[in-house]
Amino acid sequence: MADLSAIKEHMEVIGADGVHVGTVDRVEGDRIKLTKKDSGADIEGVDQGLHTDHHHFISTGLVAEVEGDQVRLSANADVAVTFEEEEGGEPL
């Protein structure tokens, strides 16, 4: 299990495939809050216009490892964003 206490603000969140998912704003409970500016902004197949005006969250259960300035998820980026949540906890 990854050391979740090592997750810090401004770390890059990447999928298992190395694709950028977002940037850490902070950890809130068992979820990583991503910054508004790039939550899923570069992932092929994700509608960029619908969800860039607010924060998204990724479950810490998807974290495979924390190394350097990156949080690597256990799922590829395109799959990980399907597990993303809105601020209230409901799925995207």
C-alpha atoms as a PDB file:
ATOM      1  CA  MET A   1       0.000   0.000   0.000  1.00  0.00           C
ATOM      2  CA  ALA A   2       1.212   3.479  -0.868  1.00  0.00           C
ATOM      3  CA  ASP A   3       2.154   6.003   1.818  1.00  0.00           C
ATOM      4  CA  LEU A   4      -0.772   8.396   1.453  1.00  0.00           C
ATOM      5  CA  SER A   5       0.777  10.840   3.929  1.00  0.00           C
ATOM      6  CA  ALA A   6       3.427  11.524   1.252  1.00  0.00           C
ATOM      7  CA  ILE A   7       0.817  13.076  -1.070  1.00  0.00           C
ATOM      8  CA  LYS A   8       1.364  16.842  -1.143  1.00  0.00           C
ATOM      9  CA  GLU A   9      -0.089  19.886  -2.870  1.00  0.00           C
ATOM     10  CA  HIS A  10       0.951  20.406  -6.514  1.00  0.00           C
ATOM     11  CA  MET A  11       2.034  16.779  -7.083  1.00  0.00           C
ATOM     12  CA  GLU A  12       1.158  15.395 -10.500  1.00  0.00           C
ATOM     13  CA  VAL A  13      -1.385  12.564 -10.575  1.00  0.00           C
ATOM     14  CA  ILE A  14      -0.736  10.094 -13.393  1.00  0.00           C
ATOM     15  CA  GLY A  15      -2.402   6.904 -14.526  1.00  0.00           C
ATOM     16  CA  ALA A  16      -0.636   3.549 -14.602  1.00  0.00           C
ATOM     17  CA  ASP A  17       0.046   4.329 -18.266  1.00  0.00           C
ATOM     18  CA  GLY A  18       1.922   7.538 -17.356  1.00  0.00           C
ATOM     19  CA  VAL A  19      -0.804   9.856 -18.707  1.00  0.00           C
ATOM     20  CA  HIS A  20      -1.482  13.028 -16.714  1.00  0.00           C
ATOM     21  CA  VAL A  21      -4.784  12.877 -14.778  1.00  0.00           C
ATOM     22  CA  GLY A  22      -4.528  16.086 -12.759  1.00  0.00           C
ATOM     23  CA  THR A  23      -2.676  18.010 -10.068  1.00  0.00           C
ATOM     24  CA  VAL A  24      -3.171  17.545  -6.340  1.00  0.00           C
ATOM     25  CA  ASP A  25      -4.889  20.419  -4.577  1.00  0.00           C
ATOM     26  CA  ARG A  26      -5.003  18.499  -1.277  1.00  0.00           C
ATOM     27  CA  VAL A  27      -6.090  15.241   0.343  1.00  0.00           C
ATOM     28  CA  GLU A  28      -9.526  15.340   1.966  1.00  0.00           C
ATOM     29  CA  GLY A  29     -10.315  12.203   3.943  1.00  0.00           C
ATOM     30  CA  ASP A  30     -10.039   9.238   1.577  1.00  0.00           C
ATOM     31  CA  ARG A  31     -10.048  11.342  -1.598  1.00  0.00           C
ATOM     32  CA  ILE A  32      -7.515  13.422  -3.518  1.00  0.00           C
ATOM     33  CA  LYS A  33      -8.915  16.809  -4.487  1.00  0.00           C
ATOM     34  CA  LEU A  34      -7.584  17.837  -7.896  1.00  0.00           C
ATOM     35  CA  THR A  35      -7.017  21.440  -8.919  1.00  0.00           C
ATOM     36  CA  LYS A  36      -9.736  22.985 -11.082  1.00  0.00           C
ATOM     37  CA  LYS A  37      -7.437  24.063 -13.875  1.00  0.00           C
ATOM     38  CA  ASP A  38      -6.497  20.629 -15.164  1.00  0.00           C
ATOM     39  CA  SER A  39      -8.773  17.953 -13.748  1.00  0.00           C
ATOM     40  CA  GLY A  40      -8.627  15.416 -16.580  1.00  0.00           C
ATOM     41  CA  ALA A  41      -7.812  18.133 -19.078  1.00  0.00           C
ATOM     42  CA  ASP A  42      -5.426  16.113 -21.255  1.00  0.00           C
ATOM     43  CA  ILE A  43      -7.086  12.713 -21.340  1.00  0.00           C
ATOM     44  CA  GLU A  44      -8.277  11.517 -24.717  1.00  0.00           C
ATOM     45  CA  GLY A  45     -11.994  10.849 -24.793  1.00  0.00           C
ATOM     46  CA  VAL A  46     -12.838  13.100 -21.825  1.00  0.00           C
ATOM     47  CA  ASP A  47     -15.241  15.957 -22.582  1.00  0.00           C
ATOM     48  CA  GLN A  48     -13.178  18.987 -21.617  1.00  0.00           C
ATOM     49  CA  GLY A  49     -16.006  21.518 -21.560  1.00  0.00           C
ATOM     50  CA  LEU A  50     -18.221  19.920 -18.944  1.00  0.00           C
ATOM     51  CA  HIS A  51     -16.057  19.580 -15.890  1.00  0.00           C
ATOM     52  CA  THR A  52     -13.286  22.179 -15.848  1.00  0.00           C
ATOM     53  CA  ASP A  53     -15.028  24.818 -13.740  1.00  0.00           C
ATOM     54  CA  HIS A  54     -14.842  22.969 -10.412  1.00  0.00           C
ATOM     55  CA  HIS A  55     -12.742  20.482  -8.437  1.00  0.00           C
ATOM     56  CA  HIS A  56     -12.830  16.741  -9.032  1.00  0.00           C
ATOM     57  CA  PHE A  57     -11.787  14.000  -6.636  1.00  0.00           C
ATOM     58  CA  ILE A  58      -9.981  10.668  -7.010  1.00  0.00           C
ATOM     59  CA  SER A  59     -10.261   7.953  -4.368  1.00  0.00           C
ATOM     60  CA  THR A  60      -7.026   7.275  -2.512  1.00  0.00           C
ATOM     61  CA  GLY A  61      -7.873   3.598  -3.072  1.00  0.00           C
ATOM     62  CA  LEU A  62      -6.621   4.044  -6.639  1.00  0.00           C
ATOM     63  CA  VAL A  63      -3.142   5.153  -5.521  1.00  0.00           C
ATOM     64  CA  ALA A  64      -0.492   2.576  -6.426  1.00  0.00           C
ATOM     65  CA  GLU A  65       2.556   4.565  -5.326  1.00  0.00           C
ATOM     66  CA  VAL A  66       3.839   8.001  -4.414  1.00  0.00           C
ATOM     67  CA  GLU A  67       7.300   8.742  -5.725  1.00  0.00           C
ATOM     68  CA  GLY A  68       9.093  12.045  -6.117  1.00  0.00           C
ATOM     69  CA  ASP A  69       6.535  14.617  -7.199  1.00  0.00           C
ATOM     70  CA  GLN A  70       4.104  12.096  -8.721  1.00  0.00           C
ATOM     71  CA  VAL A  71       1.134  10.102  -7.503  1.00  0.00           C
ATOM     72  CA  ARG A  72       0.761   7.028  -9.713  1.00  0.00           C
ATOM     73  CA  LEU A  73      -2.634   5.380  -9.901  1.00  0.00           C
ATOM     74  CA  SER A  74      -3.293   1.660 -10.298  1.00  0.00           C
ATOM     75  CA  ALA A  75      -5.531   2.277 -13.331  1.00  0.00           C
ATOM     76  CA  ASN A  76      -4.767   3.843 -16.702  1.00  0.00           C
ATOM     77  CA  ALA A  77      -5.762   7.503 -16.911  1.00  0.00           C
ATOM     78  CA  ASP A  78      -8.779   6.961 -19.175  1.00  0.00           C
ATOM     79  CA  VAL A  79     -10.146   4.384 -16.730  1.00  0.00           C
ATOM     80  CA  ALA A  80      -9.221   6.344 -13.582  1.00  0.00           C
ATOM     81  CA  VAL A  81     -11.305   9.332 -14.660  1.00  0.00           C
ATOM     82  CA  THR A  82     -14.359   7.096 -14.834  1.00  0.00           C
ATOM     83  CA  PHE A  83     -13.913   6.721 -11.051  1.00  0.00           C
ATOM     84  CA  GLU A  84     -13.594  10.490 -10.549  1.00  0.00           C
ATOM     85  CA  GLU A  85     -16.146  12.097  -8.279  1.00  0.00           C
ATOM     86  CA  GLU A  86     -17.792  15.465  -8.022  1.00  0.00           C
ATOM     87  CA  GLU A  87     -17.303  17.485  -4.830  1.00  0.00           C
ATOM     88  CA  GLY A  88     -20.401  15.954  -3.196  1.00  0.00           C
ATOM     89  CA  GLY A  89     -19.124  12.409  -3.799  1.00  0.00           C
ATOM     90  CA  GLU A  90     -21.344  11.515  -6.749  1.00  0.00           C
ATOM     91  CA  PRO A  91     -19.664  10.003  -9.835  1.00  0.00           C
ATOM     92  CA  LEU A  92     -18.976  12.176 -12.894  1.00  0.00           C
END
